[in-house]
Amino acid sequence: MRRKSILALVSIALLGCVAVGAAEPIRIGVMGPVTGAWASEGQDMVNVVQTLAAQINDAGGVNGRPIAIDIGDDAGDPRTATLAAQRLVSSGVVAVVGTYGSAIAEAAQGIYDDEGVVQIATGSTSIRLSEKGMPLFFRTCPRDDDQGKVMTTKVAEMGYAKIALLHDNSAYAKGLAEECKTLFEANGVDIVFYDAITAGDRDYTTSLVAMKTQNPDIIVFTGYYPEAAMLLRQKKDMGWDVAMIGGDATNNTALIEISGPVAAEGYMFISPPGPLDLTGPAAQSFMKTYQEKFNSVPTSVWSIMAGDAFLTIVEALKDIDDITSENIGEYLHNELEAFPGFTGEISYNEKGDRVGDVYRLYRVDAEGVFRLVP
């Protein structure tokens, strides 16, 4: 099996190799929330993948063929996601990177499966996505059952005994909350409050007051960063200093922009390492390139996982003679092993899930910086 590292191709591109010629392009889709409440995620996904594709094309493409990126904006909305998926399939993509939200990925999942197109989700951690027996579904992000185990273990290790557990009824947040609830109860932890908020609301004071009457030691919130930020800000406004921890969907620097650093100080979350905490030389080199090009860094690790998804697709393309989605899927299942991605080694199991534990605990400091907890 040929295993020329795609990261080596990226390095060659940085040395200024000439662009690939006019051969027929290989089309790869990127589906993400380019607009809407999660736009920072989708825009970063597109920037990461397009940057990598340009580097590979400048290095000669894949076996002499350039890569063309088609973008599908799902706007973080299930209905829009189905239209985006249909457009990408119609454009002739052989694989799709994305998307971010679990409910959004699920809305498009059946379309890609019916049309026989590889889909590699990048932030969609809901357990059920990979329990449907869809052979062309993969993901570079971990699953919520892995996250739930780490979350409940960390909460117990820190000595919190009375839990307020809150979600937003989305597929991701509700699934993670149910997983945490099961694990907390199995370990004898007292759940004094369990309820849902409505995503997109601007005032969560009623829910916060209801939680406060139960006197929890900590709030465990399993939703997304916009709502977490509002909860932190309004909790601070009412003078309630209870601890709060969230899941990986709150690992986005936009949380600080919404809540402010004062309200966010001490907030904790479970997540794979953020972009600036990636230690591999290839990741650090790419982050430098990205920062020079966009004068910023990606707001979260999920766009970096989109880069990893793209790189594993390209690794498959290099080693198969007949480029079809079915052959890409076969390669990812059976040939890809410990691929050196930006976020660590990547292999996929028989369900298309990423193998290995990547979760860490973060805490927000007084300046609003996300700090890894040793």
Protein backbone atom coordinates (compact mmCIF):
# COMPACT_ATOMS: atom_id res chain seq x y z
CA MET A 1 0.00 0.00 0.00
CA ARG A 2 1.41 3.41 -0.97
CA ARG A 3 1.46 5.75 2.01
CA LYS A 4 2.96 9.03 0.79
CA SER A 5 1.88 11.41 3.54
CA ILE A 6 -0.47 14.15 2.38
CA LEU A 7 1.22 16.34 4.97
CA ALA A 8 4.41 15.96 2.95
CA LEU A 9 2.55 17.29 -0.08
CA VAL A 10 1.47 20.29 1.96
CA SER A 11 5.08 20.95 2.90
CA ILE A 12 6.13 20.76 -0.75
CA ALA A 13 3.42 23.28 -1.65
CA LEU A 14 4.82 25.75 0.85
CA LEU A 15 8.15 25.63 -1.03
CA GLY A 16 6.42 27.10 -4.07
CA CYS A 17 5.80 24.25 -6.50
CA VAL A 18 3.90 25.13 -9.68
CA ALA A 19 0.16 24.68 -9.80
CA VAL A 20 -1.41 21.62 -11.34
CA GLY A 21 -2.55 21.88 -14.94
CA ALA A 22 -5.92 21.60 -16.56
CA ALA A 23 -6.66 17.95 -15.77
CA GLU A 24 -10.21 17.00 -14.78
CA PRO A 25 -10.70 18.05 -11.13
CA ILE A 26 -11.72 15.77 -8.31
CA ARG A 27 -14.70 17.41 -6.62
CA ILE A 28 -14.97 17.35 -2.81
CA GLY A 29 -17.77 19.05 -0.93
CA VAL A 30 -17.65 21.05 2.29
CA MET A 31 -20.99 21.32 4.07
CA GLY A 32 -21.17 23.63 7.06
CA PRO A 33 -23.02 26.56 8.66
CA VAL A 34 -21.43 29.35 6.63
CA THR A 35 -24.32 31.57 7.71
CA GLY A 36 -26.58 31.46 10.76
CA ALA A 37 -25.90 31.18 14.48
CA TRP A 38 -22.84 28.94 14.00
CA ALA A 39 -21.36 30.90 11.10
CA SER A 40 -17.92 31.19 12.71
CA GLU A 41 -17.67 27.39 12.60
CA GLY A 42 -18.74 27.07 8.98
CA GLN A 43 -16.57 29.90 7.72
CA ASP A 44 -13.52 28.44 9.43
CA MET A 45 -14.31 24.99 7.98
CA VAL A 46 -14.33 26.45 4.48
CA ASN A 47 -11.14 28.45 5.08
CA VAL A 48 -9.27 25.42 6.43
CA VAL A 49 -10.27 23.05 3.63
CA GLN A 50 -9.76 25.57 0.84
CA THR A 51 -6.31 26.43 2.19
CA LEU A 52 -5.33 22.76 2.28
CA ALA A 53 -6.74 22.16 -1.21
CA ALA A 54 -4.76 25.10 -2.59
CA GLN A 55 -1.56 23.76 -1.04
CA ILE A 56 -2.14 20.32 -2.52
CA ASN A 57 -2.97 21.76 -5.96
CA ASP A 58 0.17 23.91 -5.87
CA ALA A 59 2.14 20.74 -5.15
CA GLY A 60 0.78 19.01 -8.25
CA GLY A 61 -2.63 17.84 -7.10
CA VAL A 62 -3.52 14.22 -6.49
CA ASN A 63 -1.84 12.01 -9.07
CA GLY A 64 -1.83 14.96 -11.46
CA ARG A 65 -5.46 15.97 -10.92
CA PRO A 66 -6.50 19.15 -9.11
CA ILE A 67 -9.01 19.19 -6.27
CA ALA A 68 -12.07 21.42 -6.62
CA ILE A 69 -14.00 22.40 -3.48
CA ASP A 70 -17.78 22.81 -3.66
CA ILE A 71 -19.38 24.59 -0.69
CA GLY A 72 -22.79 23.75 0.72
CA ASP A 73 -24.12 26.24 3.28
CA ASP A 74 -26.49 24.40 5.64
CA ALA A 75 -26.97 27.53 7.83
CA GLY A 76 -27.16 25.27 10.90
CA ASP A 77 -30.70 24.34 9.85
CA PRO A 78 -31.94 20.81 9.02
CA ARG A 79 -34.16 21.88 6.12
CA THR A 80 -31.43 23.96 4.56
CA ALA A 81 -29.05 21.04 5.08
CA THR A 82 -31.13 18.75 2.88
CA LEU A 83 -31.02 21.31 0.05
CA ALA A 84 -27.28 21.81 0.50
CA ALA A 85 -26.71 18.05 0.41
CA GLN A 86 -28.78 17.65 -2.75
CA ARG A 87 -26.83 20.44 -4.47
CA LEU A 88 -23.49 18.91 -3.51
CA VAL A 89 -24.53 15.48 -4.78
CA SER A 90 -25.72 17.05 -8.03
CA SER A 91 -22.38 18.81 -8.47
CA GLY A 92 -20.62 15.44 -8.68
CA VAL A 93 -18.65 15.39 -5.43
CA VAL A 94 -17.06 12.06 -4.50
CA ALA A 95 -17.01 12.90 -0.78
CA VAL A 96 -18.30 15.57 1.60
CA VAL A 97 -16.58 17.09 4.63
CA GLY A 98 -19.06 18.09 7.35
CA THR A 99 -21.11 19.12 8.96
CA TYR A 100 -20.86 20.69 12.42
CA GLY A 101 -24.17 20.07 14.25
CA SER A 102 -25.51 16.57 14.85
CA ALA A 103 -29.10 17.32 13.86
CA ILE A 104 -27.85 19.00 10.71
CA ALA A 105 -25.63 16.07 9.81
CA GLU A 106 -28.52 13.70 10.37
CA ALA A 107 -30.80 15.70 8.07
CA ALA A 108 -28.33 15.23 5.23
CA GLN A 109 -27.18 11.74 6.16
CA GLY A 110 -29.90 9.86 4.33
CA ILE A 111 -29.32 11.82 1.13
CA TYR A 112 -25.62 11.00 1.03
CA ASP A 113 -26.32 7.37 1.90
CA ASP A 114 -28.99 7.02 -0.82
CA GLU A 115 -26.70 8.61 -3.40
CA GLY A 116 -23.66 6.61 -2.30
CA VAL A 117 -21.49 9.59 -1.33
CA VAL A 118 -18.93 9.51 1.48
CA GLN A 119 -19.74 11.90 4.33
CA ILE A 120 -17.20 12.68 7.07
CA ALA A 121 -18.80 14.65 9.90
CA THR A 122 -16.50 16.98 11.82
CA GLY A 123 -18.41 18.20 14.87
CA SER A 124 -21.45 15.92 14.88
CA THR A 125 -20.97 13.79 17.98
CA SER A 126 -24.46 12.28 18.44
CA ILE A 127 -24.21 8.54 19.09
CA ARG A 128 -27.02 7.47 16.79
CA LEU A 129 -25.41 8.90 13.66
CA SER A 130 -23.09 5.90 13.40
CA GLU A 131 -25.57 3.31 14.65
CA LYS A 132 -27.62 3.16 11.44
CA GLY A 133 -25.36 0.89 9.42
CA MET A 134 -24.50 3.52 6.80
CA PRO A 135 -21.22 2.29 5.25
CA LEU A 136 -20.15 5.67 3.83
CA PHE A 137 -20.65 7.72 7.01
CA PHE A 138 -17.53 8.63 9.01
CA ARG A 139 -16.47 11.26 11.51
CA THR A 140 -13.24 12.78 12.76
CA CYS A 141 -14.88 13.96 15.99
CA PRO A 142 -15.51 11.57 18.90
CA ARG A 143 -18.95 10.36 20.06
CA ASP A 144 -21.10 11.67 22.92
CA ASP A 145 -20.81 8.46 24.92
CA ASP A 146 -17.04 9.04 25.06
CA GLN A 147 -17.64 12.65 26.04
CA GLY A 148 -20.21 11.70 28.66
CA LYS A 149 -17.76 9.36 30.37
CA VAL A 150 -15.08 12.05 30.55
CA MET A 151 -17.55 14.74 31.63
CA THR A 152 -19.03 12.75 34.52
CA THR A 153 -15.63 11.50 35.63
CA LYS A 154 -14.20 15.03 35.77
CA VAL A 155 -17.23 16.37 37.68
CA ALA A 156 -16.90 13.56 40.23
CA GLU A 157 -13.12 14.07 40.55
CA MET A 158 -13.70 17.75 41.37
CA GLY A 159 -16.04 16.76 44.21
CA TYR A 160 -19.35 18.10 42.88
CA ALA A 161 -22.21 16.04 44.32
CA LYS A 162 -25.42 17.95 43.43
CA ILE A 163 -25.91 18.47 39.71
CA ALA A 164 -28.17 20.74 37.68
CA LEU A 165 -28.27 19.16 34.21
CA LEU A 166 -29.47 21.36 31.36
CA HIS A 167 -29.77 20.83 27.59
CA ASP A 168 -31.46 22.56 24.63
CA ASN A 169 -33.45 19.66 23.08
CA SER A 170 -31.14 19.46 20.04
CA ALA A 171 -30.02 15.98 18.99
CA TYR A 172 -26.50 16.64 20.24
CA ALA A 173 -27.36 18.34 23.53
CA LYS A 174 -30.22 16.05 24.54
CA GLY A 175 -28.24 12.94 23.67
CA LEU A 176 -25.24 14.09 25.71
CA ALA A 177 -27.48 15.09 28.63
CA GLU A 178 -29.15 11.68 28.65
CA GLU A 179 -25.77 9.96 28.55
CA CYS A 180 -24.54 12.09 31.47
CA LYS A 181 -27.75 11.50 33.41
CA THR A 182 -27.38 7.73 33.09
CA LEU A 183 -23.75 7.83 34.19
CA PHE A 184 -24.35 10.24 37.07
CA GLU A 185 -27.19 8.10 38.39
CA ALA A 186 -25.15 4.91 38.05
CA ASN A 187 -22.47 6.50 40.22
CA GLY A 188 -24.90 7.75 42.86
CA VAL A 189 -24.58 11.44 41.98
CA ASP A 190 -27.63 13.51 42.94
CA ILE A 191 -29.28 15.24 39.95
CA VAL A 192 -31.32 17.99 41.63
CA PHE A 193 -32.49 19.64 38.38
CA TYR A 194 -33.01 18.32 34.86
CA ASP A 195 -34.61 20.41 32.15
CA ALA A 196 -34.22 22.00 28.72
CA ILE A 197 -33.96 25.57 27.47
CA THR A 198 -34.93 26.85 24.03
CA ALA A 199 -31.96 27.47 21.76
CA GLY A 200 -31.85 31.01 20.40
CA ASP A 201 -33.71 32.66 23.29
CA ARG A 202 -32.16 35.78 24.76
CA ASP A 203 -33.31 35.43 28.38
CA TYR A 204 -32.70 32.33 30.50
CA THR A 205 -33.31 33.99 33.86
CA THR A 206 -36.37 31.85 34.59
CA SER A 207 -34.39 28.64 34.14
CA LEU A 208 -31.51 29.98 36.21
CA VAL A 209 -33.83 30.98 39.06
CA ALA A 210 -35.46 27.53 38.98
CA MET A 211 -32.04 25.89 39.15
CA LYS A 212 -30.87 28.13 41.97
CA THR A 213 -33.77 27.08 44.19
CA GLN A 214 -32.40 23.52 44.06
CA ASN A 215 -28.96 24.68 45.30
CA PRO A 216 -26.76 22.63 42.94
CA ASP A 217 -22.99 22.50 43.29
CA ILE A 218 -22.52 22.84 39.55
CA ILE A 219 -24.50 23.40 36.33
CA VAL A 220 -23.74 20.86 33.61
CA PHE A 221 -24.86 22.36 30.28
CA THR A 222 -24.71 20.15 27.20
CA GLY A 223 -25.72 22.67 24.52
CA TYR A 224 -23.89 25.08 22.23
CA TYR A 225 -21.68 28.11 22.84
CA PRO A 226 -24.22 30.93 22.13
CA GLU A 227 -26.59 29.65 24.83
CA ALA A 228 -23.77 28.81 27.24
CA ALA A 229 -22.51 32.37 26.92
CA MET A 230 -25.96 33.81 27.67
CA LEU A 231 -26.32 31.54 30.71
CA LEU A 232 -22.93 32.66 32.01
CA ARG A 233 -23.72 36.33 31.51
CA GLN A 234 -27.16 36.17 33.09
CA LYS A 235 -25.92 33.98 35.95
CA LYS A 236 -23.33 36.67 36.68
CA ASP A 237 -25.95 39.44 36.44
CA MET A 238 -28.07 37.75 39.11
CA GLY A 239 -25.04 37.35 41.40
CA TRP A 240 -25.00 33.56 41.34
CA ASP A 241 -21.45 32.21 41.42
CA VAL A 242 -22.22 28.51 41.02
CA ALA A 243 -19.71 26.53 38.96
CA MET A 244 -20.61 25.61 35.37
CA ILE A 245 -19.21 23.07 32.93
CA GLY A 246 -20.14 22.41 29.31
CA GLY A 247 -19.46 20.04 26.48
CA ASP A 248 -17.33 20.36 23.37
CA ALA A 249 -19.89 22.50 21.50
CA THR A 250 -18.97 25.38 23.82
CA ASN A 251 -15.31 25.29 22.77
CA ASN A 252 -15.53 28.41 20.62
CA THR A 253 -13.90 31.75 21.35
CA ALA A 254 -17.14 33.47 20.33
CA LEU A 255 -18.41 32.37 23.76
CA ILE A 256 -16.18 35.05 25.33
CA GLU A 257 -17.37 37.68 22.86
CA ILE A 258 -20.97 37.04 23.92
CA SER A 259 -20.54 36.52 27.67
CA GLY A 260 -17.57 38.76 28.34
CA PRO A 261 -14.46 37.51 30.16
CA VAL A 262 -15.71 38.48 33.64
CA ALA A 263 -18.81 36.29 33.39
CA ALA A 264 -16.90 33.45 31.74
CA GLU A 265 -14.04 33.28 34.25
CA GLY A 266 -13.90 29.82 35.81
CA TYR A 267 -16.18 28.23 33.22
CA MET A 268 -15.04 24.71 32.30
CA PHE A 269 -15.68 22.52 29.29
CA ILE A 270 -14.72 19.11 27.93
CA SER A 271 -13.29 19.14 24.44
CA PRO A 272 -10.59 17.88 22.13
CA PRO A 273 -7.57 20.22 22.27
CA GLY A 274 -8.12 23.61 20.68
CA PRO A 275 -6.21 24.87 17.61
CA LEU A 276 -3.47 26.58 19.61
CA ASP A 277 -2.98 23.52 21.84
CA LEU A 278 -2.18 21.13 19.01
CA THR A 279 1.43 20.03 19.45
CA GLY A 280 2.29 18.20 16.21
CA PRO A 281 4.71 19.96 13.84
CA ALA A 282 2.32 19.67 10.87
CA ALA A 283 -0.52 21.22 12.89
CA GLN A 284 1.67 24.03 14.17
CA SER A 285 2.98 24.73 10.67
CA PHE A 286 -0.53 24.85 9.26
CA MET A 287 -1.74 27.11 12.08
CA LYS A 288 1.06 29.54 11.24
CA THR A 289 0.08 29.49 7.57
CA TYR A 290 -3.59 30.00 8.44
CA GLN A 291 -2.84 32.90 10.77
CA GLU A 292 -0.69 34.63 8.16
CA LYS A 293 -3.40 34.21 5.52
CA PHE A 294 -6.47 35.18 7.55
CA ASN A 295 -4.91 37.27 10.34
CA SER A 296 -6.69 35.08 12.87
CA VAL A 297 -6.82 31.52 14.14
CA PRO A 298 -9.81 29.18 13.81
CA THR A 299 -12.33 29.81 16.57
CA SER A 300 -12.51 26.14 17.55
CA VAL A 301 -11.05 22.70 16.93
CA TRP A 302 -14.01 21.58 14.79
CA SER A 303 -12.74 23.35 11.69
CA ILE A 304 -9.36 21.65 12.24
CA MET A 305 -11.23 18.33 12.32
CA ALA A 306 -12.72 19.36 8.97
CA GLY A 307 -9.14 19.67 7.76
CA ASP A 308 -8.41 16.19 9.09
CA ALA A 309 -11.49 14.81 7.32
CA PHE A 310 -10.33 16.38 4.06
CA LEU A 311 -6.81 14.99 4.48
CA THR A 312 -8.04 11.45 5.05
CA ILE A 313 -10.14 11.70 1.90
CA VAL A 314 -7.09 12.85 -0.06
CA GLU A 315 -5.03 10.03 1.44
CA ALA A 316 -7.60 7.60 0.03
CA LEU A 317 -7.61 9.33 -3.36
CA LYS A 318 -3.85 8.89 -3.68
CA ASP A 319 -4.02 5.14 -3.18
CA ILE A 320 -7.04 4.08 -5.24
CA ASP A 321 -7.03 3.68 -9.01
CA ASP A 322 -10.77 4.04 -9.61
CA ILE A 323 -12.00 7.15 -7.81
CA THR A 324 -15.49 6.40 -6.56
CA SER A 325 -17.19 7.06 -3.23
CA GLU A 326 -17.47 3.33 -2.65
CA ASN A 327 -13.73 2.86 -3.10
CA ILE A 328 -12.97 5.85 -0.86
CA GLY A 329 -15.20 4.33 1.82
CA GLU A 330 -13.52 0.93 1.48
CA TYR A 331 -10.12 2.54 1.87
CA LEU A 332 -11.10 4.55 4.96
CA HIS A 333 -12.58 1.46 6.62
CA ASN A 334 -9.89 -1.05 5.73
CA GLU A 335 -6.64 0.68 4.72
CA LEU A 336 -6.37 3.93 6.65
CA GLU A 337 -4.47 3.24 9.86
CA ALA A 338 -3.07 5.74 12.39
CA PHE A 339 -3.10 8.53 9.80
CA PRO A 340 -1.10 11.50 11.17
CA GLY A 341 -3.79 14.15 11.28
CA PHE A 342 -3.59 17.61 12.80
CA THR A 343 -5.59 16.47 15.85
CA GLY A 344 -3.68 13.22 16.29
CA GLU A 345 -3.67 9.79 14.73
CA ILE A 346 -6.85 8.89 12.83
CA SER A 347 -8.34 5.48 12.14
CA TYR A 348 -12.00 4.64 11.56
CA ASN A 349 -13.77 1.59 13.00
CA GLU A 350 -16.43 -0.52 11.29
CA LYS A 351 -19.11 2.07 12.16
CA GLY A 352 -17.07 4.94 10.74
CA ASP A 353 -16.29 6.34 14.19
CA ARG A 354 -12.88 7.70 15.01
CA VAL A 355 -10.81 5.42 17.24
CA GLY A 356 -9.18 6.78 20.41
CA ASP A 357 -9.73 9.30 23.21
CA VAL A 358 -9.13 12.98 22.42
CA TYR A 359 -11.06 14.75 25.22
CA ARG A 360 -9.43 17.19 27.66
CA LEU A 361 -10.65 19.57 30.40
CA TYR A 362 -10.43 23.33 29.84
CA ARG A 363 -10.99 26.28 32.20
CA VAL A 364 -11.49 29.94 31.23
CA ASP A 365 -9.08 32.34 32.92
CA ALA A 366 -9.65 35.97 33.99
CA GLU A 367 -8.66 37.25 30.53
CA GLY A 368 -11.11 34.95 28.79
CA VAL A 369 -8.41 32.57 27.52
CA PHE A 370 -9.16 28.85 27.31
CA ARG A 371 -6.57 27.01 29.40
CA LEU A 372 -5.93 23.26 29.43
CA VAL A 373 -6.25 21.83 32.92
CA PRO A 374 -3.32 19.46 33.67
